Amino acid sequence: MDQDSRKKPGAGHSKESSEEGEGEQMRIKINDRRKGGHDVSDEAEAVELARPDEASDAADGSDASENDELKAKLLETETKFKDAERQVSDLADRFRKAQLQLKSETDEIRTRLQRSFDQKVEASRGELVTGLLDTLDNLKRAVAAAESSEGGQVDFKSLLEGVKSTVTMFDARMKSLGLTEIATVGEHFNPEVHEAVEIVESDAENDNHVVSELQPGYKLGERLLRPARVRVGRATRGSGRSE
């Protein structure tokens, strides 16, 4: 019993010794983690402090890239703007040239039309004068015949026939040009073609009708050249009752 009791305390002492050794080893291992005098938490802080610098460098690189892109876009925009300005300038030059060419062509056409119009007017005047030459010749013959009559005795009958022939020729020429004489006597008074010079008493049948002509009127086509000057009848009350 005594021997067993003496052996057991020795065994407990060895167990305690082993536990103390293991604790020392654990302390040594923990101390080994702090080599160089730096703690693990210090290294983490160092890493965290280093991260903002890396982020700043990355941000600077991103800003530089954006600036390059903006510069490239700005250069491209300026190039397009210059190209647009050049195109606008070219279009403006073409427009001015086209405008000058159009003005020149318009002036040329206007001159040509005016020249053609003048030629037509001159030709019409020539035709008109040519048609009147026969009338002028006949009148001159009538005057010459009257002046050359023997003893100053004028053959009025021959002279009258010559004048009538001249009037007939002249009237035919005017009608060929579109001249028409306005009808007067017996026609209902029309203020558009008749000019009432005098109002005279008349029977009811001739009331507001042209009773006589003082000067003939003429139309050229549909254009009124001169209204006819006429006398217009106006029926009295007495003439109306008597009928």
C-alpha atoms as a PDB file:
ATOM      1  CA  MET A   1       0.000   0.000   0.000  1.00  0.00           C
ATOM      2  CA  ASP A   2       2.746   2.415   0.882  1.00  0.00           C
ATOM      3  CA  GLN A   3       4.673   1.664  -2.268  1.00  0.00           C
ATOM      4  CA  ASP A   4       1.620   2.243  -4.395  1.00  0.00           C
ATOM      5  CA  SER A   5       0.951   5.466  -2.641  1.00  0.00           C
ATOM      6  CA  ARG A   6       4.470   6.661  -3.202  1.00  0.00           C
ATOM      7  CA  LYS A   7       4.359   5.788  -6.888  1.00  0.00           C
ATOM      8  CA  LYS A   8       1.153   7.690  -7.543  1.00  0.00           C
ATOM      9  CA  PRO A   9       2.369  11.081  -6.397  1.00  0.00           C
ATOM     10  CA  GLY A  10       5.340  10.715  -8.723  1.00  0.00           C
ATOM     11  CA  ALA A  11       3.122  10.009 -11.604  1.00  0.00           C
ATOM     12  CA  GLY A  12       1.011  13.094 -10.947  1.00  0.00           C
ATOM     13  CA  HIS A  13       4.096  15.225 -10.799  1.00  0.00           C
ATOM     14  CA  SER A  14       5.222  14.041 -14.244  1.00  0.00           C
ATOM     15  CA  LYS A  15       1.814  14.835 -15.671  1.00  0.00           C
ATOM     16  CA  GLU A  16       1.903  18.350 -14.389  1.00  0.00           C
ATOM     17  CA  SER A  17       5.385  18.771 -15.749  1.00  0.00           C
ATOM     18  CA  SER A  18       4.235  17.699 -19.196  1.00  0.00           C
ATOM     19  CA  GLU A  19       1.324  20.157 -19.127  1.00  0.00           C
ATOM     20  CA  GLU A  20       3.625  22.990 -18.161  1.00  0.00           C
ATOM     21  CA  GLY A  21       5.942  22.072 -21.062  1.00  0.00           C
ATOM     22  CA  GLU A  22       3.125  22.159 -23.522  1.00  0.00           C
ATOM     23  CA  GLY A  23       2.077  25.622 -22.257  1.00  0.00           C
ATOM     24  CA  GLU A  24       5.566  26.919 -22.709  1.00  0.00           C
ATOM     25  CA  GLN A  25       5.664  25.580 -26.262  1.00  0.00           C
ATOM     26  CA  MET A  26       2.362  27.331 -27.035  1.00  0.00           C
ATOM     27  CA  ARG A  27       3.709  30.553 -25.627  1.00  0.00           C
ATOM     28  CA  ILE A  28       6.825  30.134 -27.752  1.00  0.00           C
ATOM     29  CA  LYS A  29       4.722  29.574 -30.872  1.00  0.00           C
ATOM     30  CA  ILE A  30       2.689  32.682 -30.154  1.00  0.00           C
ATOM     31  CA  ASN A  31       5.838  34.657 -29.596  1.00  0.00           C
ATOM     32  CA  ASP A  32       7.208  33.343 -32.889  1.00  0.00           C
ATOM     33  CA  ARG A  33       4.353  35.040 -34.707  1.00  0.00           C
ATOM     34  CA  ARG A  34       5.673  38.385 -33.556  1.00  0.00           C
ATOM     35  CA  LYS A  35       9.056  38.072 -35.211  1.00  0.00           C
ATOM     36  CA  GLY A  36      10.767  41.282 -36.112  1.00  0.00           C
ATOM     37  CA  GLY A  37       8.810  43.137 -33.497  1.00  0.00           C
ATOM     38  CA  HIS A  38       5.621  43.367 -35.668  1.00  0.00           C
ATOM     39  CA  ASP A  39       2.274  42.231 -34.546  1.00  0.00           C
ATOM     40  CA  VAL A  40      -0.273  40.591 -36.886  1.00  0.00           C
ATOM     41  CA  SER A  41      -2.642  43.455 -36.312  1.00  0.00           C
ATOM     42  CA  ASP A  42       0.104  45.874 -37.314  1.00  0.00           C
ATOM     43  CA  GLU A  43       0.577  44.069 -40.618  1.00  0.00           C
ATOM     44  CA  ALA A  44      -3.165  44.259 -41.285  1.00  0.00           C
ATOM     45  CA  GLU A  45      -3.124  47.956 -40.584  1.00  0.00           C
ATOM     46  CA  ALA A  46      -0.187  48.358 -42.948  1.00  0.00           C
ATOM     47  CA  VAL A  47      -2.097  46.536 -45.644  1.00  0.00           C
ATOM     48  CA  GLU A  48      -5.142  48.714 -45.058  1.00  0.00           C
ATOM     49  CA  LEU A  49      -2.982  51.857 -45.204  1.00  0.00           C
ATOM     50  CA  ALA A  50      -1.451  50.697 -48.461  1.00  0.00           C
ATOM     51  CA  ARG A  51      -4.847  50.137 -50.103  1.00  0.00           C
ATOM     52  CA  PRO A  52      -5.860  53.871 -50.404  1.00  0.00           C
ATOM     53  CA  ASP A  53      -2.625  54.576 -52.260  1.00  0.00           C
ATOM     54  CA  GLU A  54      -3.359  51.769 -54.695  1.00  0.00           C
ATOM     55  CA  ALA A  55      -6.950  53.080 -55.155  1.00  0.00           C
ATOM     56  CA  SER A  56      -5.585  56.579 -55.732  1.00  0.00           C
ATOM     57  CA  ASP A  57      -3.205  55.281 -58.393  1.00  0.00           C
ATOM     58  CA  ALA A  58      -6.067  53.394 -60.063  1.00  0.00           C
ATOM     59  CA  ALA A  59      -8.268  56.525 -59.977  1.00  0.00           C
ATOM     60  CA  ASP A  60      -5.474  58.605 -61.505  1.00  0.00           C
ATOM     61  CA  GLY A  61      -5.113  56.057 -64.285  1.00  0.00           C
ATOM     62  CA  SER A  62      -8.866  56.093 -64.914  1.00  0.00           C
ATOM     63  CA  ASP A  63      -8.941  59.910 -65.035  1.00  0.00           C
ATOM     64  CA  ALA A  64      -6.056  59.945 -67.489  1.00  0.00           C
ATOM     65  CA  SER A  65      -7.873  57.460 -69.700  1.00  0.00           C
ATOM     66  CA  GLU A  66     -11.077  59.533 -69.616  1.00  0.00           C
ATOM     67  CA  ASN A  67      -9.111  62.679 -70.469  1.00  0.00           C
ATOM     68  CA  ASP A  68      -7.540  60.934 -73.439  1.00  0.00           C
ATOM     69  CA  GLU A  69     -10.961  59.813 -74.619  1.00  0.00           C
ATOM     70  CA  LEU A  70     -12.369  63.326 -74.228  1.00  0.00           C
ATOM     71  CA  LYS A  71      -9.422  64.790 -76.132  1.00  0.00           C
ATOM     72  CA  ALA A  72      -9.918  62.263 -78.912  1.00  0.00           C
ATOM     73  CA  LYS A  73     -13.644  63.050 -79.115  1.00  0.00           C
ATOM     74  CA  LEU A  74     -12.927  66.790 -79.075  1.00  0.00           C
ATOM     75  CA  LEU A  75     -10.414  66.398 -81.899  1.00  0.00           C
ATOM     76  CA  GLU A  76     -12.915  64.313 -83.861  1.00  0.00           C
ATOM     77  CA  THR A  77     -15.648  66.920 -83.286  1.00  0.00           C
ATOM     78  CA  GLU A  78     -13.368  69.751 -84.415  1.00  0.00           C
ATOM     79  CA  THR A  79     -12.458  67.801 -87.526  1.00  0.00           C
ATOM     80  CA  LYS A  80     -16.129  67.186 -88.349  1.00  0.00           C
ATOM     81  CA  PHE A  81     -16.932  70.870 -87.703  1.00  0.00           C
ATOM     82  CA  LYS A  82     -14.178  71.983 -90.078  1.00  0.00           C
ATOM     83  CA  ASP A  83     -15.425  69.533 -92.695  1.00  0.00           C
ATOM     84  CA  ALA A  84     -18.963  70.899 -92.261  1.00  0.00           C
ATOM     85  CA  GLU A  85     -17.692  74.484 -92.590  1.00  0.00           C
ATOM     86  CA  ARG A  86     -15.854  73.557 -95.768  1.00  0.00           C
ATOM     87  CA  GLN A  87     -18.959  71.900 -97.197  1.00  0.00           C
ATOM     88  CA  VAL A  88     -21.098  74.942 -96.324  1.00  0.00           C
ATOM     89  CA  SER A  89     -18.541  77.220 -97.959  1.00  0.00           C
ATOM     90  CA  ASP A  90     -18.525  75.054-101.086  1.00  0.00           C
ATOM     91  CA  LEU A  91     -22.334  75.073-101.225  1.00  0.00           C
ATOM     92  CA  ALA A  92     -22.377  78.863-100.773  1.00  0.00           C
ATOM     93  CA  ASP A  93     -19.911  79.271-103.645  1.00  0.00           C
ATOM     94  CA  ARG A  94     -22.000  76.982-105.854  1.00  0.00           C
ATOM     95  CA  PHE A  95     -25.151  78.891-104.948  1.00  0.00           C
ATOM     96  CA  ARG A  96     -23.545  82.238-105.801  1.00  0.00           C
ATOM     97  CA  LYS A  97     -22.295  80.893-109.098  1.00  0.00           C
ATOM     98  CA  ALA A  98     -25.709  79.423-109.904  1.00  0.00           C
ATOM     99  CA  GLN A  99     -27.367  82.708-108.937  1.00  0.00           C
ATOM    100  CA  LEU A 100     -25.057  84.701-111.192  1.00  0.00           C
ATOM    101  CA  GLN A 101     -25.589  82.241-114.035  1.00  0.00           C
ATOM    102  CA  LEU A 102     -29.370  82.384-113.565  1.00  0.00           C
ATOM    103  CA  LYS A 103     -29.303  86.197-113.566  1.00  0.00           C
ATOM    104  CA  SER A 104     -27.212  86.200-116.714  1.00  0.00           C
ATOM    105  CA  GLU A 105     -29.567  83.747-118.434  1.00  0.00           C
ATOM    106  CA  THR A 106     -32.613  85.716-117.263  1.00  0.00           C
ATOM    107  CA  ASP A 107     -31.178  88.973-118.595  1.00  0.00           C
ATOM    108  CA  GLU A 108     -30.365  87.274-121.868  1.00  0.00           C
ATOM    109  CA  ILE A 109     -33.896  85.846-122.167  1.00  0.00           C
ATOM    110  CA  ARG A 110     -35.428  89.223-121.275  1.00  0.00           C
ATOM    111  CA  THR A 111     -33.286  90.941-123.907  1.00  0.00           C
ATOM    112  CA  ARG A 112     -34.201  88.324-126.499  1.00  0.00           C
ATOM    113  CA  LEU A 113     -37.925  88.608-125.697  1.00  0.00           C
ATOM    114  CA  GLN A 114     -37.780  92.396-125.827  1.00  0.00           C
ATOM    115  CA  ARG A 115     -35.992  92.258-129.153  1.00  0.00           C
ATOM    116  CA  SER A 116     -38.568  89.790-130.496  1.00  0.00           C
ATOM    117  CA  PHE A 117     -41.419  91.989-129.235  1.00  0.00           C
ATOM    118  CA  ASP A 118     -39.916  95.067-130.830  1.00  0.00           C
ATOM    119  CA  GLN A 119     -39.518  93.212-134.093  1.00  0.00           C
ATOM    120  CA  LYS A 120     -43.159  92.089-134.013  1.00  0.00           C
ATOM    121  CA  VAL A 121     -44.350  95.604-133.227  1.00  0.00           C
ATOM    122  CA  GLU A 122     -42.226  96.983-136.044  1.00  0.00           C
ATOM    123  CA  ALA A 123     -43.574  94.366-138.422  1.00  0.00           C
ATOM    124  CA  SER A 124     -47.166  95.156-137.406  1.00  0.00           C
ATOM    125  CA  ARG A 125     -46.592  98.852-137.882  1.00  0.00           C
ATOM    126  CA  GLY A 126     -45.105  98.137-141.300  1.00  0.00           C
ATOM    127  CA  GLU A 127     -48.152  96.080-142.304  1.00  0.00           C
ATOM    128  CA  LEU A 128     -50.501  98.807-141.085  1.00  0.00           C
ATOM    129  CA  VAL A 129     -48.671 101.575-142.894  1.00  0.00           C
ATOM    130  CA  THR A 130     -48.444  99.469-146.042  1.00  0.00           C
ATOM    131  CA  GLY A 131     -52.216  98.983-146.005  1.00  0.00           C
ATOM    132  CA  LEU A 132     -52.764 102.736-145.657  1.00  0.00           C
ATOM    133  CA  LEU A 133     -50.498 103.642-148.531  1.00  0.00           C
ATOM    134  CA  ASP A 134     -53.206 102.894-151.114  1.00  0.00           C
ATOM    135  CA  THR A 135     -55.607 105.179-149.279  1.00  0.00           C
ATOM    136  CA  LEU A 136     -53.018 107.926-149.166  1.00  0.00           C
ATOM    137  CA  ASP A 137     -52.294 107.490-152.863  1.00  0.00           C
ATOM    138  CA  ASN A 138     -56.006 107.779-153.749  1.00  0.00           C
ATOM    139  CA  LEU A 139     -56.415 110.934-151.682  1.00  0.00           C
ATOM    140  CA  LYS A 140     -53.403 112.492-153.350  1.00  0.00           C
ATOM    141  CA  ARG A 141     -54.814 111.629-156.773  1.00  0.00           C
ATOM    142  CA  ALA A 142     -58.130 113.261-155.863  1.00  0.00           C
ATOM    143  CA  VAL A 143     -56.353 116.430-154.768  1.00  0.00           C
ATOM    144  CA  ALA A 144     -54.180 116.460-157.885  1.00  0.00           C
ATOM    145  CA  ALA A 145     -57.225 115.992-160.124  1.00  0.00           C
ATOM    146  CA  ALA A 146     -59.030 118.886-158.462  1.00  0.00           C
ATOM    147  CA  GLU A 147     -56.014 121.143-158.803  1.00  0.00           C
ATOM    148  CA  SER A 148     -55.398 120.292-162.455  1.00  0.00           C
ATOM    149  CA  SER A 149     -58.985 120.794-163.662  1.00  0.00           C
ATOM    150  CA  GLU A 150     -59.371 123.225-166.619  1.00  0.00           C
ATOM    151  CA  GLY A 151     -60.435 126.767-165.774  1.00  0.00           C
ATOM    152  CA  GLY A 152     -60.662 125.906-162.103  1.00  0.00           C
ATOM    153  CA  GLN A 153     -63.819 123.944-162.743  1.00  0.00           C
ATOM    154  CA  VAL A 154     -63.772 120.886-160.507  1.00  0.00           C
ATOM    155  CA  ASP A 155     -65.554 117.761-161.641  1.00  0.00           C
ATOM    156  CA  PHE A 156     -67.270 117.139-158.333  1.00  0.00           C
ATOM    157  CA  LYS A 157     -68.859 113.959-159.537  1.00  0.00           C
ATOM    158  CA  SER A 158     -65.533 112.380-160.419  1.00  0.00           C
ATOM    159  CA  LEU A 159     -64.033 113.737-157.225  1.00  0.00           C
ATOM    160  CA  LEU A 160     -66.869 112.270-155.186  1.00  0.00           C
ATOM    161  CA  GLU A 161     -66.453 108.910-156.839  1.00  0.00           C
ATOM    162  CA  GLY A 162     -62.728 108.955-156.076  1.00  0.00           C
ATOM    163  CA  VAL A 163     -63.303 109.829-152.427  1.00  0.00           C
ATOM    164  CA  LYS A 164     -65.956 107.133-152.043  1.00  0.00           C
ATOM    165  CA  SER A 165     -63.574 104.607-153.545  1.00  0.00           C
ATOM    166  CA  THR A 166     -60.875 105.699-151.126  1.00  0.00           C
ATOM    167  CA  VAL A 167     -63.200 105.416-148.119  1.00  0.00           C
ATOM    168  CA  THR A 168     -64.336 101.965-149.203  1.00  0.00           C
ATOM    169  CA  MET A 169     -60.731 100.819-149.579  1.00  0.00           C
ATOM    170  CA  PHE A 170     -59.747 102.285-146.223  1.00  0.00           C
ATOM    171  CA  ASP A 171     -62.754 100.768-144.459  1.00  0.00           C
ATOM    172  CA  ALA A 172     -61.973  97.320-145.878  1.00  0.00           C
ATOM    173  CA  ARG A 173     -58.402  97.614-144.662  1.00  0.00           C
ATOM    174  CA  MET A 174     -59.524  98.548-141.136  1.00  0.00           C
ATOM    175  CA  LYS A 175     -61.945  95.641-141.005  1.00  0.00           C
ATOM    176  CA  SER A 176     -59.166  93.256-142.015  1.00  0.00           C
ATOM    177  CA  LEU A 177     -57.256  94.453-138.930  1.00  0.00           C
ATOM    178  CA  GLY A 178     -60.220  93.656-136.657  1.00  0.00           C
ATOM    179  CA  LEU A 179     -61.814  97.099-136.535  1.00  0.00           C
ATOM    180  CA  THR A 180     -65.615  97.125-136.242  1.00  0.00           C
ATOM    181  CA  GLU A 181     -68.004 100.077-136.162  1.00  0.00           C
ATOM    182  CA  ILE A 182     -70.472 100.307-133.278  1.00  0.00           C
ATOM    183  CA  ALA A 183     -74.133 100.140-134.315  1.00  0.00           C
ATOM    184  CA  THR A 184     -76.072 103.247-133.280  1.00  0.00           C
ATOM    185  CA  VAL A 185     -79.302 104.433-134.913  1.00  0.00           C
ATOM    186  CA  GLY A 186     -82.289 102.361-133.849  1.00  0.00           C
ATOM    187  CA  GLU A 187     -80.300 100.525-131.161  1.00  0.00           C
ATOM    188  CA  HIS A 188     -81.217 100.549-127.488  1.00  0.00           C
ATOM    189  CA  PHE A 189     -78.998 103.048-125.695  1.00  0.00           C
ATOM    190  CA  ASN A 190     -75.999 101.253-124.155  1.00  0.00           C
ATOM    191  CA  PRO A 191     -73.809 103.454-121.931  1.00  0.00           C
ATOM    192  CA  GLU A 192     -70.897 101.021-122.334  1.00  0.00           C
ATOM    193  CA  VAL A 193     -70.515 101.830-126.060  1.00  0.00           C
ATOM    194  CA  HIS A 194     -72.708 104.919-126.527  1.00  0.00           C
ATOM    195  CA  GLU A 195     -72.040 108.426-125.302  1.00  0.00           C
ATOM    196  CA  ALA A 196     -75.276 110.424-125.014  1.00  0.00           C
ATOM    197  CA  VAL A 197     -74.535 113.920-126.224  1.00  0.00           C
ATOM    198  CA  GLU A 198     -78.145 115.084-126.376  1.00  0.00           C
ATOM    199  CA  ILE A 199     -81.592 113.912-125.210  1.00  0.00           C
ATOM    200  CA  VAL A 200     -84.420 114.650-127.674  1.00  0.00           C
ATOM    201  CA  GLU A 201     -88.145 114.125-127.537  1.00  0.00           C
ATOM    202  CA  SER A 202     -89.407 111.110-129.398  1.00  0.00           C
ATOM    203  CA  ASP A 203     -92.378 108.794-129.616  1.00  0.00           C
ATOM    204  CA  ALA A 204     -92.787 105.900-127.243  1.00  0.00           C
ATOM    205  CA  GLU A 205     -91.328 103.488-129.777  1.00  0.00           C
ATOM    206  CA  ASN A 206     -87.954 105.293-129.767  1.00  0.00           C
ATOM    207  CA  ASP A 207     -87.871 105.893-126.030  1.00  0.00           C
ATOM    208  CA  ASN A 208     -84.312 105.339-124.710  1.00  0.00           C
ATOM    209  CA  HIS A 209     -83.162 104.458-128.215  1.00  0.00           C
ATOM    210  CA  VAL A 210     -80.465 106.109-130.357  1.00  0.00           C
ATOM    211  CA  VAL A 211     -82.204 108.387-132.848  1.00  0.00           C
ATOM    212  CA  SER A 212     -79.121 109.812-134.581  1.00  0.00           C
ATOM    213  CA  GLU A 213     -75.347 109.507-134.666  1.00  0.00           C
ATOM    214  CA  LEU A 214     -72.968 112.459-134.284  1.00  0.00           C
ATOM    215  CA  GLN A 215     -69.698 110.543-134.402  1.00  0.00           C
ATOM    216  CA  PRO A 216     -69.165 106.834-135.055  1.00  0.00           C
ATOM    217  CA  GLY A 217     -67.579 104.627-132.456  1.00  0.00           C
ATOM    218  CA  TYR A 218     -65.173 101.725-133.020  1.00  0.00           C
ATOM    219  CA  LYS A 219     -63.987  98.531-131.370  1.00  0.00           C
ATOM    220  CA  LEU A 220     -60.814  96.613-132.109  1.00  0.00           C
ATOM    221  CA  GLY A 221     -61.705  93.035-131.333  1.00  0.00           C
ATOM    222  CA  GLU A 222     -63.368  93.208-127.900  1.00  0.00           C
ATOM    223  CA  ARG A 223     -61.583  96.419-126.927  1.00  0.00           C
ATOM    224  CA  LEU A 224     -63.487  99.689-127.124  1.00  0.00           C
ATOM    225  CA  LEU A 225     -61.418 102.263-128.972  1.00  0.00           C
ATOM    226  CA  ARG A 226     -63.982 105.050-128.974  1.00  0.00           C
ATOM    227  CA  PRO A 227     -67.648 105.225-127.923  1.00  0.00           C
ATOM    228  CA  ALA A 228     -70.180 106.462-130.451  1.00  0.00           C
ATOM    229  CA  ARG A 229     -71.515 109.951-129.761  1.00  0.00           C
ATOM    230  CA  VAL A 230     -75.287 109.875-130.242  1.00  0.00           C
ATOM    231  CA  ARG A 231     -78.624 111.537-129.598  1.00  0.00           C
ATOM    232  CA  VAL A 232     -81.034 109.556-127.431  1.00  0.00           C
ATOM    233  CA  GLY A 233     -84.850 109.721-127.679  1.00  0.00           C
ATOM    234  CA  ARG A 234     -87.046 110.257-124.659  1.00  0.00           C
ATOM    235  CA  ALA A 235     -90.815 109.770-124.941  1.00  0.00           C
ATOM    236  CA  THR A 236     -93.069 112.483-123.455  1.00  0.00           C
ATOM    237  CA  ARG A 237     -96.234 111.844-121.436  1.00  0.00           C
ATOM    238  CA  GLY A 238     -98.423 113.220-124.163  1.00  0.00           C
ATOM    239  CA  SER A 239     -96.967 110.906-126.785  1.00  0.00           C
ATOM    240  CA  GLY A 240     -97.503 107.953-124.470  1.00  0.00           C
ATOM    241  CA  ARG A 241    -101.261 108.821-123.868  1.00  0.00           C
ATOM    242  CA  SER A 242    -101.947 109.443-127.521  1.00  0.00           C
ATOM    243  CA  GLU A 243    -100.723 105.992-128.358  1.00  0.00           C
END
